Amino acid sequence: MAFTTRDGRDWKPDYLVSIDPQKCIGCGRCFKVCGRLVMTLKGVNEDGELIDLDDDEDDEIEKKVMVMHDGGACIGCGACSRVCPTGSQTHAAAA
């Protein structure tokens, strides 16, 4: 696919396709720069399972990580990858 910016320069979107929970530290920087709700914060319990963040389950959470919430909403701007301190995200061009 060929895209251009508003002033006619070539632009190739790079879409977020996954977030590595082993690398992610749950800092939320990517979430803050994304205005499309592509990601959400989840908890990881001692069994390594993703769980919703509820006040009642705080003692079961070992760590927090970002996960894909709505990948189809990603516009491929790459802002999330530029602010990620751990390089936990994988991006790919449109098929």
PDB file of N, CA and C in Angstrom:
ATOM      1  N   MET A   1       0.833  -1.184   0.000  1.00  0.00           N
ATOM      2  CA  MET A   1       0.000   0.000   0.000  1.00  0.00           C
ATOM      3  C   MET A   1       0.873   1.242   0.000  1.00  0.00           C
ATOM      4  N   ALA A   2       0.473   2.225  -0.743  1.00  0.00           N
ATOM      5  CA  ALA A   2       1.197   3.486  -0.796  1.00  0.00           C
ATOM      6  C   ALA A   2       0.352   4.571  -0.148  1.00  0.00           C
ATOM      7  N   PHE A   3       0.965   5.283   0.768  1.00  0.00           N
ATOM      8  CA  PHE A   3       0.295   6.378   1.445  1.00  0.00           C
ATOM      9  C   PHE A   3       1.162   7.613   1.337  1.00  0.00           C
ATOM     10  N   THR A   4       0.535   8.761   1.486  1.00  0.00           N
ATOM     11  CA  THR A   4       1.280  10.017   1.503  1.00  0.00           C
ATOM     12  C   THR A   4       0.821  10.864   2.678  1.00  0.00           C
ATOM     13  N   THR A   5       1.715  11.742   3.122  1.00  0.00           N
ATOM     14  CA  THR A   5       1.354  12.695   4.155  1.00  0.00           C
ATOM     15  C   THR A   5       0.523  13.803   3.525  1.00  0.00           C
ATOM     16  N   ARG A   6       0.068  14.694   4.320  1.00  0.00           N
ATOM     17  CA  ARG A   6      -0.765  15.788   3.836  1.00  0.00           C
ATOM     18  C   ARG A   6      -0.073  16.632   2.772  1.00  0.00           C
ATOM     19  N   ASP A   7       1.260  16.758   2.882  1.00  0.00           N
ATOM     20  CA  ASP A   7       1.976  17.555   1.896  1.00  0.00           C
ATOM     21  C   ASP A   7       2.566  16.718   0.759  1.00  0.00           C
ATOM     22  N   GLY A   8       2.165  15.423   0.665  1.00  0.00           N
ATOM     23  CA  GLY A   8       2.538  14.610  -0.473  1.00  0.00           C
ATOM     24  C   GLY A   8       3.761  13.723  -0.325  1.00  0.00           C
ATOM     25  N   ARG A   9       4.414  13.736   0.853  1.00  0.00           N
ATOM     26  CA  ARG A   9       5.567  12.856   1.056  1.00  0.00           C
ATOM     27  C   ARG A   9       5.101  11.422   1.248  1.00  0.00           C
ATOM     28  N   ASP A  10       5.916  10.473   0.782  1.00  0.00           N
ATOM     29  CA  ASP A  10       5.603   9.056   0.977  1.00  0.00           C
ATOM     30  C   ASP A  10       5.627   8.724   2.462  1.00  0.00           C
ATOM     31  N   TRP A  11       4.692   7.889   2.886  1.00  0.00           N
ATOM     32  CA  TRP A  11       4.625   7.471   4.282  1.00  0.00           C
ATOM     33  C   TRP A  11       4.169   6.024   4.332  1.00  0.00           C
ATOM     34  N   LYS A  12       4.857   5.231   5.144  1.00  0.00           N
ATOM     35  CA  LYS A  12       4.531   3.818   5.287  1.00  0.00           C
ATOM     36  C   LYS A  12       4.181   3.538   6.752  1.00  0.00           C
ATOM     37  N   PRO A  13       2.908   3.250   7.056  1.00  0.00           N
ATOM     38  CA  PRO A  13       2.527   2.964   8.433  1.00  0.00           C
ATOM     39  C   PRO A  13       3.172   1.672   8.933  1.00  0.00           C
ATOM     40  N   ASP A  14       3.472   1.654  10.220  1.00  0.00           N
ATOM     41  CA  ASP A  14       4.086   0.506  10.864  1.00  0.00           C
ATOM     42  C   ASP A  14       3.198   0.147  12.056  1.00  0.00           C
ATOM     43  N   TYR A  15       2.334  -0.843  11.874  1.00  0.00           N
ATOM     44  CA  TYR A  15       1.282  -1.158  12.839  1.00  0.00           C
ATOM     45  C   TYR A  15       1.779  -1.990  14.020  1.00  0.00           C
ATOM     46  N   LEU A  16       1.268  -1.693  15.203  1.00  0.00           N
ATOM     47  CA  LEU A  16       1.563  -2.491  16.391  1.00  0.00           C
ATOM     48  C   LEU A  16       0.859  -3.836  16.253  1.00  0.00           C
ATOM     49  N   VAL A  17       1.619  -4.930  16.350  1.00  0.00           N
ATOM     50  CA  VAL A  17       1.026  -6.256  16.208  1.00  0.00           C
ATOM     51  C   VAL A  17       1.131  -7.094  17.476  1.00  0.00           C
ATOM     52  N   SER A  18       2.081  -6.768  18.365  1.00  0.00           N
ATOM     53  CA  SER A  18       2.171  -7.517  19.618  1.00  0.00           C
ATOM     54  C   SER A  18       3.021  -6.763  20.634  1.00  0.00           C
ATOM     55  N   ILE A  19       2.836  -7.160  21.902  1.00  0.00           N
ATOM     56  CA  ILE A  19       3.616  -6.617  23.014  1.00  0.00           C
ATOM     57  C   ILE A  19       4.131  -7.809  23.815  1.00  0.00           C
ATOM     58  N   ASP A  20       5.422  -7.885  24.017  1.00  0.00           N
ATOM     59  CA  ASP A  20       6.045  -8.997  24.739  1.00  0.00           C
ATOM     60  C   ASP A  20       5.871  -8.790  26.244  1.00  0.00           C
ATOM     61  N   PRO A  21       5.070  -9.628  26.910  1.00  0.00           N
ATOM     62  CA  PRO A  21       4.837  -9.448  28.346  1.00  0.00           C
ATOM     63  C   PRO A  21       6.075  -9.713  29.202  1.00  0.00           C
ATOM     64  N   GLN A  22       7.070 -10.390  28.632  1.00  0.00           N
ATOM     65  CA  GLN A  22       8.314 -10.637  29.373  1.00  0.00           C
ATOM     66  C   GLN A  22       9.176  -9.375  29.427  1.00  0.00           C
ATOM     67  N   LYS A  23       9.076  -8.531  28.408  1.00  0.00           N
ATOM     68  CA  LYS A  23       9.863  -7.301  28.354  1.00  0.00           C
ATOM     69  C   LYS A  23       9.117  -6.093  28.915  1.00  0.00           C
ATOM     70  N   CYS A  24       7.789  -6.086  28.769  1.00  0.00           N
ATOM     71  CA  CYS A  24       6.976  -4.933  29.170  1.00  0.00           C
ATOM     72  C   CYS A  24       7.045  -4.737  30.681  1.00  0.00           C
ATOM     73  N   ILE A  25       7.230  -3.479  31.105  1.00  0.00           N
ATOM     74  CA  ILE A  25       7.274  -3.161  32.531  1.00  0.00           C
ATOM     75  C   ILE A  25       6.001  -2.449  33.000  1.00  0.00           C
ATOM     76  N   GLY A  26       5.028  -2.299  32.105  1.00  0.00           N
ATOM     77  CA  GLY A  26       3.747  -1.701  32.476  1.00  0.00           C
ATOM     78  C   GLY A  26       3.830  -0.238  32.855  1.00  0.00           C
ATOM     79  N   CYS A  27       4.773   0.494  32.287  1.00  0.00           N
ATOM     80  CA  CYS A  27       4.960   1.899  32.658  1.00  0.00           C
ATOM     81  C   CYS A  27       3.845   2.805  32.139  1.00  0.00           C
ATOM     82  N   GLY A  28       3.171   2.387  31.058  1.00  0.00           N
ATOM     83  CA  GLY A  28       2.057   3.153  30.521  1.00  0.00           C
ATOM     84  C   GLY A  28       2.424   4.256  29.554  1.00  0.00           C
ATOM     85  N   ARG A  29       3.702   4.404  29.228  1.00  0.00           N
ATOM     86  CA  ARG A  29       4.094   5.466  28.303  1.00  0.00           C
ATOM     87  C   ARG A  29       3.430   5.296  26.947  1.00  0.00           C
ATOM     88  N   CYS A  30       3.376   4.072  26.445  1.00  0.00           N
ATOM     89  CA  CYS A  30       2.761   3.818  25.141  1.00  0.00           C
ATOM     90  C   CYS A  30       1.270   4.154  25.166  1.00  0.00           C
ATOM     91  N   PHE A  31       0.609   3.785  26.249  1.00  0.00           N
ATOM     92  CA  PHE A  31      -0.819   4.056  26.394  1.00  0.00           C
ATOM     93  C   PHE A  31      -1.088   5.559  26.375  1.00  0.00           C
ATOM     94  N   LYS A  32      -0.222   6.316  27.031  1.00  0.00           N
ATOM     95  CA  LYS A  32      -0.414   7.766  27.122  1.00  0.00           C
ATOM     96  C   LYS A  32      -0.271   8.473  25.781  1.00  0.00           C
ATOM     97  N   VAL A  33       0.586   7.957  24.895  1.00  0.00           N
ATOM     98  CA  VAL A  33       0.769   8.630  23.603  1.00  0.00           C
ATOM     99  C   VAL A  33      -0.208   8.144  22.540  1.00  0.00           C
ATOM    100  N   CYS A  34      -0.912   7.063  22.812  1.00  0.00           N
ATOM    101  CA  CYS A  34      -1.849   6.510  21.835  1.00  0.00           C
ATOM    102  C   CYS A  34      -3.257   7.029  22.108  1.00  0.00           C
ATOM    103  N   GLY A  35      -3.803   7.720  21.158  1.00  0.00           N
ATOM    104  CA  GLY A  35      -5.158   8.244  21.307  1.00  0.00           C
ATOM    105  C   GLY A  35      -6.214   7.319  20.722  1.00  0.00           C
ATOM    106  N   ARG A  36      -5.839   6.084  20.408  1.00  0.00           N
ATOM    107  CA  ARG A  36      -6.741   5.178  19.703  1.00  0.00           C
ATOM    108  C   ARG A  36      -7.198   3.988  20.541  1.00  0.00           C
ATOM    109  N   LEU A  37      -6.776   3.883  21.806  1.00  0.00           N
ATOM    110  CA  LEU A  37      -7.140   2.776  22.700  1.00  0.00           C
ATOM    111  C   LEU A  37      -6.740   1.412  22.123  1.00  0.00           C
ATOM    112  N   VAL A  38      -5.566   1.371  21.508  1.00  0.00           N
ATOM    113  CA  VAL A  38      -5.049   0.138  20.926  1.00  0.00           C
ATOM    114  C   VAL A  38      -4.599  -0.823  22.024  1.00  0.00           C
ATOM    115  N   MET A  39      -4.114  -0.283  23.151  1.00  0.00           N
ATOM    116  CA  MET A  39      -3.581  -1.089  24.254  1.00  0.00           C
ATOM    117  C   MET A  39      -4.367  -0.855  25.529  1.00  0.00           C
ATOM    118  N   THR A  40      -4.198  -1.790  26.476  1.00  0.00           N
ATOM    119  CA  THR A  40      -4.766  -1.624  27.800  1.00  0.00           C
ATOM    120  C   THR A  40      -3.835  -2.278  28.809  1.00  0.00           C
ATOM    121  N   LEU A  41      -3.945  -1.862  30.062  1.00  0.00           N
ATOM    122  CA  LEU A  41      -3.102  -2.397  31.120  1.00  0.00           C
ATOM    123  C   LEU A  41      -3.793  -3.583  31.779  1.00  0.00           C
ATOM    124  N   LYS A  42      -3.050  -4.664  31.951  1.00  0.00           N
ATOM    125  CA  LYS A  42      -3.559  -5.863  32.622  1.00  0.00           C
ATOM    126  C   LYS A  42      -2.596  -6.251  33.723  1.00  0.00           C
ATOM    127  N   GLY A  43      -3.067  -7.062  34.639  1.00  0.00           N
ATOM    128  CA  GLY A  43      -2.216  -7.620  35.673  1.00  0.00           C
ATOM    129  C   GLY A  43      -1.770  -9.013  35.280  1.00  0.00           C
ATOM    130  N   VAL A  44      -0.646  -9.445  35.836  1.00  0.00           N
ATOM    131  CA  VAL A  44      -0.152 -10.800  35.636  1.00  0.00           C
ATOM    132  C   VAL A  44      -0.089 -11.441  37.010  1.00  0.00           C
ATOM    133  N   ASN A  45      -0.761 -12.588  37.171  1.00  0.00           N
ATOM    134  CA  ASN A  45      -0.748 -13.259  38.471  1.00  0.00           C
ATOM    135  C   ASN A  45       0.470 -14.172  38.582  1.00  0.00           C
ATOM    136  N   GLU A  46       0.597 -14.858  39.712  1.00  0.00           N
ATOM    137  CA  GLU A  46       1.783 -15.697  39.949  1.00  0.00           C
ATOM    138  C   GLU A  46       1.879 -16.883  38.991  1.00  0.00           C
ATOM    139  N   ASP A  47       0.760 -17.243  38.343  1.00  0.00           N
ATOM    140  CA  ASP A  47       0.769 -18.320  37.357  1.00  0.00           C
ATOM    141  C   ASP A  47       1.084 -17.813  35.946  1.00  0.00           C
ATOM    142  N   GLY A  48       1.314 -16.497  35.808  1.00  0.00           N
ATOM    143  CA  GLY A  48       1.616 -15.910  34.513  1.00  0.00           C
ATOM    144  C   GLY A  48       0.397 -15.611  33.674  1.00  0.00           C
ATOM    145  N   GLU A  49      -0.787 -15.699  34.275  1.00  0.00           N
ATOM    146  CA  GLU A  49      -2.031 -15.444  33.552  1.00  0.00           C
ATOM    147  C   GLU A  49      -2.368 -13.955  33.606  1.00  0.00           C
ATOM    148  N   LEU A  50      -2.930 -13.446  32.503  1.00  0.00           N
ATOM    149  CA  LEU A  50      -3.381 -12.060  32.463  1.00  0.00           C
ATOM    150  C   LEU A  50      -4.716 -11.943  33.179  1.00  0.00           C
ATOM    151  N   ILE A  51      -4.834 -10.933  34.033  1.00  0.00           N
ATOM    152  CA  ILE A  51      -6.083 -10.701  34.753  1.00  0.00           C
ATOM    153  C   ILE A  51      -6.427  -9.212  34.690  1.00  0.00           C
ATOM    154  N   ASP A  52      -7.728  -8.935  34.760  1.00  0.00           N
ATOM    155  CA  ASP A  52      -8.177  -7.554  34.784  1.00  0.00           C
ATOM    156  C   ASP A  52      -7.727  -6.898  36.076  1.00  0.00           C
ATOM    157  N   LEU A  53      -7.520  -5.608  36.023  1.00  0.00           N
ATOM    158  CA  LEU A  53      -7.093  -4.864  37.199  1.00  0.00           C
ATOM    159  C   LEU A  53      -8.315  -4.430  37.999  1.00  0.00           C
ATOM    160  N   ASP A  54      -8.554  -5.090  39.087  1.00  0.00           N
ATOM    161  CA  ASP A  54      -9.640  -4.755  40.004  1.00  0.00           C
ATOM    162  C   ASP A  54      -9.029  -4.455  41.365  1.00  0.00           C
ATOM    163  N   ASP A  55      -9.658  -3.569  42.102  1.00  0.00           N
ATOM    164  CA  ASP A  55      -9.150  -3.229  43.434  1.00  0.00           C
ATOM    165  C   ASP A  55      -9.099  -4.449  44.342  1.00  0.00           C
ATOM    166  N   ASP A  56     -10.016  -5.395  44.167  1.00  0.00           N
ATOM    167  CA  ASP A  56     -10.100  -6.566  45.032  1.00  0.00           C
ATOM    168  C   ASP A  56      -8.959  -7.555  44.806  1.00  0.00           C
ATOM    169  N   GLU A  57      -8.332  -7.505  43.622  1.00  0.00           N
ATOM    170  CA  GLU A  57      -7.338  -8.511  43.275  1.00  0.00           C
ATOM    171  C   GLU A  57      -5.908  -7.989  43.320  1.00  0.00           C
ATOM    172  N   ASP A  58      -5.674  -6.812  43.912  1.00  0.00           N
ATOM    173  CA  ASP A  58      -4.332  -6.236  43.920  1.00  0.00           C
ATOM    174  C   ASP A  58      -3.290  -7.157  44.535  1.00  0.00           C
ATOM    175  N   ASP A  59      -3.668  -7.953  45.531  1.00  0.00           N
ATOM    176  CA  ASP A  59      -2.693  -8.835  46.173  1.00  0.00           C
ATOM    177  C   ASP A  59      -2.326 -10.035  45.299  1.00  0.00           C
ATOM    178  N   GLU A  60      -3.114 -10.329  44.253  1.00  0.00           N
ATOM    179  CA  GLU A  60      -2.824 -11.439  43.348  1.00  0.00           C
ATOM    180  C   GLU A  60      -1.930 -11.021  42.184  1.00  0.00           C
ATOM    181  N   ILE A  61      -1.721  -9.734  41.997  1.00  0.00           N
ATOM    182  CA  ILE A  61      -0.981  -9.232  40.846  1.00  0.00           C
ATOM    183  C   ILE A  61       0.515  -9.208  41.141  1.00  0.00           C
ATOM    184  N   GLU A  62       1.273  -9.904  40.295  1.00  0.00           N
ATOM    185  CA  GLU A  62       2.729  -9.933  40.417  1.00  0.00           C
ATOM    186  C   GLU A  62       3.356  -8.730  39.710  1.00  0.00           C
ATOM    187  N   LYS A  63       2.791  -8.376  38.565  1.00  0.00           N
ATOM    188  CA  LYS A  63       3.241  -7.199  37.821  1.00  0.00           C
ATOM    189  C   LYS A  63       2.136  -6.768  36.883  1.00  0.00           C
ATOM    190  N   LYS A  64       2.312  -5.603  36.269  1.00  0.00           N
ATOM    191  CA  LYS A  64       1.356  -5.083  35.294  1.00  0.00           C
ATOM    192  C   LYS A  64       2.053  -4.967  33.948  1.00  0.00           C
ATOM    193  N   VAL A  65       1.309  -5.257  32.887  1.00  0.00           N
ATOM    194  CA  VAL A  65       1.841  -5.175  31.531  1.00  0.00           C
ATOM    195  C   VAL A  65       0.796  -4.600  30.591  1.00  0.00           C
ATOM    196  N   MET A  66       1.260  -4.007  29.511  1.00  0.00           N
ATOM    197  CA  MET A  66       0.368  -3.556  28.454  1.00  0.00           C
ATOM    198  C   MET A  66       0.078  -4.738  27.539  1.00  0.00           C
ATOM    199  N   VAL A  67      -1.161  -4.811  27.071  1.00  0.00           N
ATOM    200  CA  VAL A  67      -1.566  -5.853  26.126  1.00  0.00           C
ATOM    201  C   VAL A  67      -2.370  -5.203  25.008  1.00  0.00           C
ATOM    202  N   MET A  68      -2.470  -5.904  23.900  1.00  0.00           N
ATOM    203  CA  MET A  68      -3.275  -5.421  22.788  1.00  0.00           C
ATOM    204  C   MET A  68      -4.742  -5.427  23.204  1.00  0.00           C
ATOM    205  N   HIS A  69      -5.427  -4.335  22.929  1.00  0.00           N
ATOM    206  CA  HIS A  69      -6.852  -4.231  23.241  1.00  0.00           C
ATOM    207  C   HIS A  69      -7.670  -4.183  21.952  1.00  0.00           C
ATOM    208  N   ASP A  70      -7.250  -3.322  21.020  1.00  0.00           N
ATOM    209  CA  ASP A  70      -7.960  -3.169  19.749  1.00  0.00           C
ATOM    210  C   ASP A  70      -6.934  -2.883  18.656  1.00  0.00           C
ATOM    211  N   GLY A  71      -6.259  -3.921  18.199  1.00  0.00           N
ATOM    212  CA  GLY A  71      -5.216  -3.777  17.196  1.00  0.00           C
ATOM    213  C   GLY A  71      -5.695  -3.147  15.907  1.00  0.00           C
ATOM    214  N   GLY A  72      -6.958  -3.351  15.580  1.00  0.00           N
ATOM    215  CA  GLY A  72      -7.515  -2.778  14.361  1.00  0.00           C
ATOM    216  C   GLY A  72      -7.608  -1.264  14.394  1.00  0.00           C
ATOM    217  N   ALA A  73      -7.530  -0.681  15.578  1.00  0.00           N
ATOM    218  CA  ALA A  73      -7.609   0.774  15.705  1.00  0.00           C
ATOM    219  C   ALA A  73      -6.261   1.456  15.458  1.00  0.00           C
ATOM    220  N   CYS A  74      -5.193   0.672  15.405  1.00  0.00           N
ATOM    221  CA  CYS A  74      -3.845   1.229  15.204  1.00  0.00           C
ATOM    222  C   CYS A  74      -3.744   1.867  13.819  1.00  0.00           C
ATOM    223  N   ILE A  75      -3.177   3.092  13.775  1.00  0.00           N
ATOM    224  CA  ILE A  75      -2.990   3.787  12.504  1.00  0.00           C
ATOM    225  C   ILE A  75      -1.542   3.719  12.022  1.00  0.00           C
ATOM    226  N   GLY A  76      -0.685   3.047  12.781  1.00  0.00           N
ATOM    227  CA  GLY A  76       0.695   2.842  12.360  1.00  0.00           C
ATOM    228  C   GLY A  76       1.602   4.041  12.494  1.00  0.00           C
ATOM    229  N   CYS A  77       1.309   4.935  13.427  1.00  0.00           N
ATOM    230  CA  CYS A  77       2.116   6.149  13.570  1.00  0.00           C
ATOM    231  C   CYS A  77       3.461   5.895  14.237  1.00  0.00           C
ATOM    232  N   GLY A  78       3.564   4.845  15.059  1.00  0.00           N
ATOM    233  CA  GLY A  78       4.825   4.493  15.702  1.00  0.00           C
ATOM    234  C   GLY A  78       5.145   5.260  16.964  1.00  0.00           C
ATOM    235  N   ALA A  79       4.228   6.105  17.435  1.00  0.00           N
ATOM    236  CA  ALA A  79       4.501   6.880  18.649  1.00  0.00           C
ATOM    237  C   ALA A  79       4.768   5.969  19.846  1.00  0.00           C
ATOM    238  N   CYS A  80       4.041   4.874  19.937  1.00  0.00           N
ATOM    239  CA  CYS A  80       4.207   3.967  21.073  1.00  0.00           C
ATOM    240  C   CYS A  80       5.602   3.352  21.111  1.00  0.00           C
ATOM    241  N   SER A  81       6.140   2.992  19.958  1.00  0.00           N
ATOM    242  CA  SER A  81       7.467   2.374  19.938  1.00  0.00           C
ATOM    243  C   SER A  81       8.560   3.383  20.277  1.00  0.00           C
ATOM    244  N   ARG A  82       8.338   4.646  19.948  1.00  0.00           N
ATOM    245  CA  ARG A  82       9.348   5.665  20.242  1.00  0.00           C
ATOM    246  C   ARG A  82       9.461   5.956  21.737  1.00  0.00           C
ATOM    247  N   VAL A  83       8.389   5.731  22.511  1.00  0.00           N
ATOM    248  CA  VAL A  83       8.446   6.022  23.946  1.00  0.00           C
ATOM    249  C   VAL A  83       8.684   4.779  24.798  1.00  0.00           C
ATOM    250  N   CYS A  84       8.662   3.599  24.214  1.00  0.00           N
ATOM    251  CA  CYS A  84       8.832   2.358  24.979  1.00  0.00           C
ATOM    252  C   CYS A  84      10.289   2.197  25.427  1.00  0.00           C
ATOM    253  N   PRO A  85      10.533   2.152  26.747  1.00  0.00           N
ATOM    254  CA  PRO A  85      11.908   2.040  27.223  1.00  0.00           C
ATOM    255  C   PRO A  85      12.490   0.627  27.135  1.00  0.00           C
ATOM    256  N   THR A  86      11.658  -0.371  26.882  1.00  0.00           N
ATOM    257  CA  THR A  86      12.152  -1.746  26.876  1.00  0.00           C
ATOM    258  C   THR A  86      12.145  -2.413  25.500  1.00  0.00           C
ATOM    259  N   GLY A  87      11.591  -1.741  24.509  1.00  0.00           N
ATOM    260  CA  GLY A  87      11.523  -2.350  23.172  1.00  0.00           C
ATOM    261  C   GLY A  87      10.660  -3.584  23.145  1.00  0.00           C
ATOM    262  N   SER A  88       9.573  -3.569  23.885  1.00  0.00           N
ATOM    263  CA  SER A  88       8.716  -4.752  24.027  1.00  0.00           C
ATOM    264  C   SER A  88       7.689  -4.914  22.908  1.00  0.00           C
ATOM    265  N   GLN A  89       7.611  -3.962  22.010  1.00  0.00           N
ATOM    266  CA  GLN A  89       6.582  -3.991  20.974  1.00  0.00           C
ATOM    267  C   GLN A  89       7.129  -4.481  19.640  1.00  0.00           C
ATOM    268  N   THR A  90       6.253  -5.154  18.901  1.00  0.00           N
ATOM    269  CA  THR A  90       6.565  -5.588  17.543  1.00  0.00           C
ATOM    270  C   THR A  90       5.615  -4.872  16.598  1.00  0.00           C
ATOM    271  N   HIS A  91       6.167  -4.278  15.556  1.00  0.00           N
ATOM    272  CA  HIS A  91       5.389  -3.558  14.557  1.00  0.00           C
ATOM    273  C   HIS A  91       5.621  -4.190  13.195  1.00  0.00           C
ATOM    274  N   ALA A  92       4.640  -4.038  12.309  1.00  0.00           N
ATOM    275  CA  ALA A  92       4.763  -4.580  10.964  1.00  0.00           C
ATOM    276  C   ALA A  92       4.000  -3.703   9.980  1.00  0.00           C
ATOM    277  N   ALA A  93       4.435  -3.723   8.743  1.00  0.00           N
ATOM    278  CA  ALA A  93       3.751  -2.990   7.682  1.00  0.00           C
ATOM    279  C   ALA A  93       2.451  -3.703   7.345  1.00  0.00           C
ATOM    280  N   ALA A  94       1.554  -2.987   6.704  1.00  0.00           N
ATOM    281  CA  ALA A  94       0.287  -3.577   6.264  1.00  0.00           C
ATOM    282  C   ALA A  94       0.566  -4.667   5.247  1.00  0.00           C
ATOM    283  N   ALA A  95      -0.268  -5.682   5.282  1.00  0.00           N
ATOM    284  CA  ALA A  95      -0.096  -6.796   4.339  1.00  0.00           C
ATOM    285  C   ALA A  95      -0.603  -6.443   2.978  1.00  0.00           C
TER     286      ALA A  95
END
